[in-house]
């Protein structure tokens, strides 16, 4: 949770610092993503790591990045692609 808070804070502060220069600063914070890293983990265990009970795909992360690329007035934002895991206990 400390690193997530740090990510949000630095994203917001850098966005404020560089907004006048037309530089946008955003972040994508993925949760568990279906990659070869998790090939030996049970699907049920991975699904239990967030309240939606889903495992994100690489495409989900790409979609978030592409949204931020196209959203020219969005700055200082963090998009969590983690099925709600950033909420904490559920």
C-alpha atoms as a PDB file:
ATOM      1  CA  UNK A   1       0.000   0.000   0.000  1.00  0.00           C
ATOM      2  CA  UNK A   2       2.933   2.363   0.612  1.00  0.00           C
ATOM      3  CA  UNK A   3       4.162   2.087  -2.960  1.00  0.00           C
ATOM      4  CA  UNK A   4       0.661   2.598  -4.331  1.00  0.00           C
ATOM      5  CA  UNK A   5       0.304   5.748  -2.252  1.00  0.00           C
ATOM      6  CA  UNK A   6       3.700   6.899  -3.453  1.00  0.00           C
ATOM      7  CA  UNK A   7       2.733   6.260  -7.073  1.00  0.00           C
ATOM      8  CA  UNK A   8      -0.429   8.345  -6.696  1.00  0.00           C
ATOM      9  CA  UNK A   9       1.415  11.160  -4.926  1.00  0.00           C
ATOM     10  CA  UNK A  10       4.285  11.443  -7.391  1.00  0.00           C
ATOM     11  CA  UNK A  11       1.896  11.222 -10.339  1.00  0.00           C
ATOM     12  CA  UNK A  12      -0.202  14.099  -9.021  1.00  0.00           C
ATOM     13  CA  UNK A  13       2.757  16.270  -8.059  1.00  0.00           C
ATOM     14  CA  UNK A  14       4.575  15.778 -11.352  1.00  0.00           C
ATOM     15  CA  UNK A  15       1.336  16.509 -13.208  1.00  0.00           C
ATOM     16  CA  UNK A  16       0.949  19.792 -11.304  1.00  0.00           C
ATOM     17  CA  UNK A  17       4.596  20.680 -11.898  1.00  0.00           C
ATOM     18  CA  UNK A  18       4.543  20.154 -15.662  1.00  0.00           C
ATOM     19  CA  UNK A  19       0.940  20.985 -16.617  1.00  0.00           C
ATOM     20  CA  UNK A  20       1.826  24.528 -17.728  1.00  0.00           C
ATOM     21  CA  UNK A  21       4.375  23.026 -20.138  1.00  0.00           C
ATOM     22  CA  UNK A  22       1.698  20.813 -21.702  1.00  0.00           C
ATOM     23  CA  UNK A  23       3.240  17.670 -20.244  1.00  0.00           C
ATOM     24  CA  UNK A  24       0.754  15.154 -18.874  1.00  0.00           C
ATOM     25  CA  UNK A  25       1.713  12.657 -16.173  1.00  0.00           C
ATOM     26  CA  UNK A  26      -0.476   9.625 -15.529  1.00  0.00           C
ATOM     27  CA  UNK A  27       0.068   6.099 -14.261  1.00  0.00           C
ATOM     28  CA  UNK A  28      -1.329   2.640 -14.828  1.00  0.00           C
ATOM     29  CA  UNK A  29      -1.236   0.365 -11.779  1.00  0.00           C
ATOM     30  CA  UNK A  30      -1.858  -3.245 -12.763  1.00  0.00           C
ATOM     31  CA  UNK A  31      -2.746  -6.018 -10.370  1.00  0.00           C
ATOM     32  CA  UNK A  32      -2.281  -9.674 -11.232  1.00  0.00           C
ATOM     33  CA  UNK A  33      -1.899 -10.049 -14.999  1.00  0.00           C
ATOM     34  CA  UNK A  34      -2.180 -13.300 -16.915  1.00  0.00           C
ATOM     35  CA  UNK A  35       1.443 -13.721 -18.044  1.00  0.00           C
ATOM     36  CA  UNK A  36       3.968 -16.580 -18.039  1.00  0.00           C
ATOM     37  CA  UNK A  37       5.056 -15.323 -14.610  1.00  0.00           C
ATOM     38  CA  UNK A  38       1.931 -16.976 -13.195  1.00  0.00           C
ATOM     39  CA  UNK A  39       1.988 -20.183 -15.254  1.00  0.00           C
ATOM     40  CA  UNK A  40       2.474 -22.344 -12.137  1.00  0.00           C
ATOM     41  CA  UNK A  41      -0.129 -20.513 -10.015  1.00  0.00           C
ATOM     42  CA  UNK A  42      -3.648 -21.868  -9.746  1.00  0.00           C
ATOM     43  CA  UNK A  43      -6.287 -19.814 -11.526  1.00  0.00           C
ATOM     44  CA  UNK A  44      -8.527 -19.935  -8.443  1.00  0.00           C
ATOM     45  CA  UNK A  45      -5.754 -18.521  -6.249  1.00  0.00           C
ATOM     46  CA  UNK A  46      -5.093 -15.667  -8.671  1.00  0.00           C
ATOM     47  CA  UNK A  47      -8.807 -14.896  -8.946  1.00  0.00           C
ATOM     48  CA  UNK A  48      -9.056 -14.685  -5.163  1.00  0.00           C
ATOM     49  CA  UNK A  49      -6.667 -11.724  -5.093  1.00  0.00           C
ATOM     50  CA  UNK A  50      -9.289  -9.108  -5.953  1.00  0.00           C
ATOM     51  CA  UNK A  51     -12.971  -8.537  -5.228  1.00  0.00           C
ATOM     52  CA  UNK A  52     -14.054  -9.006  -8.852  1.00  0.00           C
ATOM     53  CA  UNK A  53     -12.472 -12.462  -8.932  1.00  0.00           C
ATOM     54  CA  UNK A  54     -10.781 -11.848 -12.282  1.00  0.00           C
ATOM     55  CA  UNK A  55      -7.249 -11.964 -13.637  1.00  0.00           C
ATOM     56  CA  UNK A  56      -6.371  -9.077 -15.932  1.00  0.00           C
ATOM     57  CA  UNK A  57      -5.055  -9.728 -19.404  1.00  0.00           C
ATOM     58  CA  UNK A  58      -2.192  -7.909 -21.069  1.00  0.00           C
ATOM     59  CA  UNK A  59      -4.850  -6.398 -23.336  1.00  0.00           C
ATOM     60  CA  UNK A  60      -6.544  -4.845 -20.277  1.00  0.00           C
ATOM     61  CA  UNK A  61      -3.302  -3.046 -19.425  1.00  0.00           C
ATOM     62  CA  UNK A  62      -2.779  -1.948 -23.030  1.00  0.00           C
ATOM     63  CA  UNK A  63      -6.332  -0.583 -23.142  1.00  0.00           C
ATOM     64  CA  UNK A  64      -5.668   1.555 -20.059  1.00  0.00           C
ATOM     65  CA  UNK A  65      -2.442   2.920 -21.556  1.00  0.00           C
ATOM     66  CA  UNK A  66      -4.130   3.636 -24.873  1.00  0.00           C
ATOM     67  CA  UNK A  67      -6.964   5.457 -23.110  1.00  0.00           C
ATOM     68  CA  UNK A  68      -4.448   7.704 -21.370  1.00  0.00           C
ATOM     69  CA  UNK A  69      -2.617   8.273 -24.646  1.00  0.00           C
ATOM     70  CA  UNK A  70      -5.829   9.502 -26.288  1.00  0.00           C
ATOM     71  CA  UNK A  71      -7.270  11.438 -23.306  1.00  0.00           C
ATOM     72  CA  UNK A  72      -5.426  14.698 -23.880  1.00  0.00           C
ATOM     73  CA  UNK A  73      -6.990  16.519 -20.918  1.00  0.00           C
ATOM     74  CA  UNK A  74      -6.350  13.786 -18.351  1.00  0.00           C
ATOM     75  CA  UNK A  75      -3.357  14.391 -16.110  1.00  0.00           C
ATOM     76  CA  UNK A  76      -2.393  13.463 -12.572  1.00  0.00           C
ATOM     77  CA  UNK A  77      -4.483  10.299 -12.658  1.00  0.00           C
ATOM     78  CA  UNK A  78      -3.758   6.699 -11.751  1.00  0.00           C
ATOM     79  CA  UNK A  79      -5.790   3.990 -13.425  1.00  0.00           C
ATOM     80  CA  UNK A  80      -5.922   0.780 -11.420  1.00  0.00           C
ATOM     81  CA  UNK A  81      -6.347  -2.305 -13.573  1.00  0.00           C
ATOM     82  CA  UNK A  82      -6.583  -4.739 -10.683  1.00  0.00           C
ATOM     83  CA  UNK A  83     -10.194  -5.855 -10.313  1.00  0.00           C
ATOM     84  CA  UNK A  84     -10.581  -3.627  -7.253  1.00  0.00           C
ATOM     85  CA  UNK A  85      -7.619  -5.007  -5.286  1.00  0.00           C
ATOM     86  CA  UNK A  86      -6.406  -1.470  -4.517  1.00  0.00           C
ATOM     87  CA  UNK A  87      -9.430  -1.026  -2.229  1.00  0.00           C
ATOM     88  CA  UNK A  88      -7.734  -3.224   0.369  1.00  0.00           C
ATOM     89  CA  UNK A  89      -9.700  -5.857   2.240  1.00  0.00           C
ATOM     90  CA  UNK A  90     -13.048  -6.846   0.790  1.00  0.00           C
END
